[in-house]
Structure formats: structure tokens, C-alpha cells
Amino acid sequence: MITQDEELDMMIKGMAYRQPIIDRLDQQTNKGINKYGHTIDKSGHLKNAAERLEYLAEELTDALVYIEHIKVHGTQIEKLFAKASRNRDKYVTELAKVRDTLLAILRRASPKDEEEWSDLTVADPMAVNSLALLIDELHGKDHKKLIKLTAEKIEEN
């Protein structure tokens, strides 16, 4: 049975941002040691509370600059992601049409092979490409038949 302390420990260690924060602390500690020869708690370069507060204010001011930069440029990035998402949706739609056409051609040409490919999804574009190559192998020498099968499928849509 798990004790309450063990459960609390698991919750703490399972926090999504815990490890990146620990990694950043380690990185900053190493940076401070390399720059000053020791950690901030042993440095003595901030003599009193007023100096420490001033240093914190400088750091927070830098943070505000970063926040404003993200607010301005973040909108541009969000727009790019939205455009990429729309383009991806168009791509997936077109790829689905290609897949459906290829499956229809395969169904007419080789029902046995069509069964094997029936669960093909557009999540794997390379598999759709492999299907196109298979159809080319089956009908590559008979281009007229392949064109006819493709035209029939397009007319159905």
C-alpha cells in the first residue's frame, strides 16, 4: 500500500513542468559557477536586501520585455500555425481523394489486393504512395487501361 507521503512524492514528481524547471535551475547554477566561481547563495555580490530586490526588479523587467515580444510576435506565429493547419486540411482532403481513387482502381483490377489495402488511411502518406506504386506495377504496361480506370473513378465523383 502506498503511504500518503509516497503519493505526494509521486504527484510532485509527475508535475508536467517540474523537470524543465529543475533543468533550468541546474543550467543557471552552472552558469553562475562558471561566471562567478560559486552559487548565488554564496556569492556575496548582492550585499543586502535592497540590492537583491533591485536585481530582481531588473530580471522582472527583462521578463516583461520578453512577454511583450511574445505578445506581438506570438500573434504572427499563431497566424502561421492556423494557415499551416488549413493547408494541412486541404492536403489531407486531396490525399484522401487520391487514396479513394487508387482503391477504386485496385478494386476493379485486383479485388484480392484491394482487400489487403482496404484499411489504408491518409495518416500514412507513404502507404498511399506505395499503393500508387502497386497499381503502377499492375497496370504500368497497360497505360490505356489505367487511364480508363482513373477516368471512370473521376466521373463517379
Protein backbone atom coordinates (compact mmCIF):
# COMPACT_ATOMS: atom_id res chain seq x y z
CA MET A 1 0.00 0.00 0.00
CA ILE A 2 1.21 3.49 -0.86
CA THR A 3 1.62 5.91 2.01
CA GLN A 4 0.36 9.47 1.85
CA ASP A 5 3.96 10.76 1.67
CA GLU A 6 4.74 8.40 -1.23
CA GLU A 7 1.57 9.52 -3.03
CA LEU A 8 2.51 13.16 -2.51
CA ASP A 9 6.04 12.43 -3.79
CA MET A 10 4.61 10.78 -6.93
CA MET A 11 2.31 13.78 -7.53
CA ILE A 12 5.21 16.20 -7.19
CA LYS A 13 7.47 14.19 -9.48
CA GLY A 14 4.64 13.80 -12.00
CA MET A 15 4.15 17.56 -12.46
CA ALA A 16 4.38 18.44 -16.14
CA TYR A 17 6.76 21.38 -15.72
CA ARG A 18 8.85 20.02 -12.87
CA GLN A 19 11.75 18.57 -14.88
CA PRO A 20 12.22 21.59 -17.20
CA ILE A 21 12.34 23.84 -14.09
CA ILE A 22 14.91 21.60 -12.42
CA ASP A 23 16.93 21.50 -15.64
CA ARG A 24 16.80 25.32 -15.87
CA LEU A 25 17.89 25.67 -12.23
CA ASP A 26 20.83 23.33 -12.88
CA GLN A 27 21.72 25.30 -16.02
CA GLN A 28 21.58 28.64 -14.19
CA THR A 29 23.60 27.23 -11.28
CA ASN A 30 26.32 26.04 -13.67
CA LYS A 31 26.25 29.41 -15.43
CA GLY A 32 26.69 31.20 -12.11
CA ILE A 33 29.54 28.94 -11.04
CA ASN A 34 31.30 29.44 -14.39
CA LYS A 35 30.80 33.21 -14.27
CA TYR A 36 31.33 33.93 -10.55
CA GLY A 37 33.07 30.81 -9.26
CA HIS A 38 30.25 29.91 -6.86
CA THR A 39 26.47 29.79 -6.48
CA ILE A 40 24.39 32.90 -5.80
CA ASP A 41 23.73 31.93 -2.19
CA LYS A 42 27.50 32.00 -1.52
CA SER A 43 28.46 34.82 -3.84
CA GLY A 44 28.09 37.82 -1.59
CA HIS A 45 27.89 40.06 -4.67
CA LEU A 46 24.42 41.15 -3.59
CA LYS A 47 25.22 42.72 -0.24
CA ASN A 48 21.79 43.46 1.17
CA ALA A 49 18.06 43.10 0.64
CA ALA A 50 17.84 46.37 -1.33
CA GLU A 51 20.44 45.15 -3.83
CA ARG A 52 18.70 41.79 -4.11
CA LEU A 53 15.35 43.49 -4.74
CA GLU A 54 16.91 45.78 -7.35
CA TYR A 55 18.46 42.77 -9.10
CA LEU A 56 15.08 41.00 -9.02
CA ALA A 57 13.38 44.11 -10.45
CA GLU A 58 15.91 44.15 -13.33
CA GLU A 59 15.27 40.47 -14.03
CA LEU A 60 11.48 41.00 -13.94
CA THR A 61 11.81 43.99 -16.27
CA ASP A 62 13.67 41.77 -18.72
CA ALA A 63 10.84 39.24 -18.34
CA LEU A 64 8.30 41.96 -19.21
CA VAL A 65 10.23 42.74 -22.39
CA TYR A 66 10.09 39.05 -23.34
CA ILE A 67 6.35 38.95 -22.60
CA GLU A 68 5.68 41.98 -24.82
CA HIS A 69 7.78 40.46 -27.59
CA ILE A 70 5.79 37.22 -27.40
CA LYS A 71 2.51 39.13 -27.37
CA VAL A 72 3.46 40.97 -30.56
CA HIS A 73 5.15 38.13 -32.40
CA GLY A 74 3.06 35.35 -30.87
CA THR A 75 0.05 36.55 -32.83
CA GLN A 76 2.07 36.30 -36.04
CA ILE A 77 3.17 32.79 -35.09
CA GLU A 78 -0.42 31.79 -34.28
CA LYS A 79 -1.48 33.05 -37.72
CA LEU A 80 1.24 30.96 -39.36
CA PHE A 81 0.12 27.88 -37.44
CA ALA A 82 -3.50 28.50 -38.42
CA LYS A 83 -2.51 28.84 -42.09
CA ALA A 84 -0.40 25.69 -41.90
CA SER A 85 -3.32 23.87 -40.32
CA ARG A 86 -5.67 24.98 -43.12
CA ASN A 87 -3.12 23.91 -45.73
CA ARG A 88 -2.75 20.57 -43.99
CA ASP A 89 -6.52 20.11 -44.02
CA LYS A 90 -6.56 20.76 -47.78
CA TYR A 91 -3.66 18.36 -48.26
CA VAL A 92 -5.38 15.63 -46.24
CA THR A 93 -8.61 16.12 -48.22
CA GLU A 94 -6.77 15.86 -51.54
CA LEU A 95 -4.76 12.87 -50.34
CA ALA A 96 -7.99 11.14 -49.29
CA LYS A 97 -9.35 11.66 -52.82
CA VAL A 98 -6.20 10.16 -54.29
CA ARG A 99 -6.40 7.24 -51.88
CA ASP A 100 -10.06 6.63 -52.74
CA THR A 101 -9.30 6.76 -56.46
CA LEU A 102 -6.40 4.33 -56.08
CA LEU A 103 -8.51 1.94 -54.01
CA ALA A 104 -11.31 2.06 -56.59
CA ILE A 105 -8.87 1.29 -59.39
CA LEU A 106 -7.39 -1.54 -57.36
CA ARG A 107 -10.89 -2.89 -56.56
CA ARG A 108 -11.66 -3.15 -60.28
CA ALA A 109 -8.28 -4.50 -61.25
CA SER A 110 -7.49 -6.83 -58.37
CA PRO A 111 -10.16 -7.33 -55.69
CA LYS A 112 -7.83 -9.65 -53.79
CA ASP A 113 -5.23 -6.86 -53.45
CA GLU A 114 -7.92 -4.28 -52.63
CA GLU A 115 -8.87 -6.28 -49.54
CA GLU A 116 -5.30 -6.02 -48.28
CA TRP A 117 -5.30 -2.23 -48.71
CA SER A 118 -8.85 -1.51 -47.50
CA ASP A 119 -7.74 -0.09 -44.13
CA LEU A 120 -5.36 2.44 -45.73
CA THR A 121 -5.60 5.86 -44.09
CA VAL A 122 -4.21 9.23 -45.08
CA ALA A 123 -2.28 9.30 -41.81
CA ASP A 124 0.44 7.45 -43.69
CA PRO A 125 1.11 9.27 -46.97
CA MET A 126 3.94 6.87 -47.80
CA ALA A 127 1.48 3.97 -47.72
CA VAL A 128 -0.70 5.84 -50.22
CA ASN A 129 2.42 6.24 -52.35
CA SER A 130 3.11 2.50 -52.01
CA LEU A 131 -0.41 1.79 -53.24
CA ALA A 132 0.19 4.04 -56.25
CA LEU A 133 3.37 2.10 -56.99
CA LEU A 134 1.49 -1.20 -56.73
CA ILE A 135 -1.13 0.00 -59.19
CA ASP A 136 1.63 1.18 -61.48
CA GLU A 137 3.16 -2.32 -61.30
CA LEU A 138 -0.21 -3.91 -62.08
CA HIS A 139 -1.08 -1.55 -64.94
CA GLY A 140 2.13 0.27 -65.77
CA LYS A 141 2.49 -1.52 -69.08
CA ASP A 142 -1.16 -1.01 -69.93
CA HIS A 143 -1.44 2.78 -69.63
CA LYS A 144 -4.69 2.90 -71.59
CA LYS A 145 -6.39 0.61 -69.08
CA LEU A 146 -5.02 2.63 -66.15
CA ILE A 147 -6.21 5.90 -67.72
CA LYS A 148 -9.64 4.37 -68.36
CA LEU A 149 -9.95 3.12 -64.76
CA THR A 150 -8.87 6.50 -63.42
CA ALA A 151 -11.30 8.37 -65.68
CA GLU A 152 -14.15 6.11 -64.59
CA LYS A 153 -13.39 6.80 -60.94
CA ILE A 154 -13.19 10.54 -61.51
CA GLU A 155 -16.52 10.50 -63.37
CA GLU A 156 -18.13 8.74 -60.40
CA ASN A 157 -17.16 11.67 -58.18
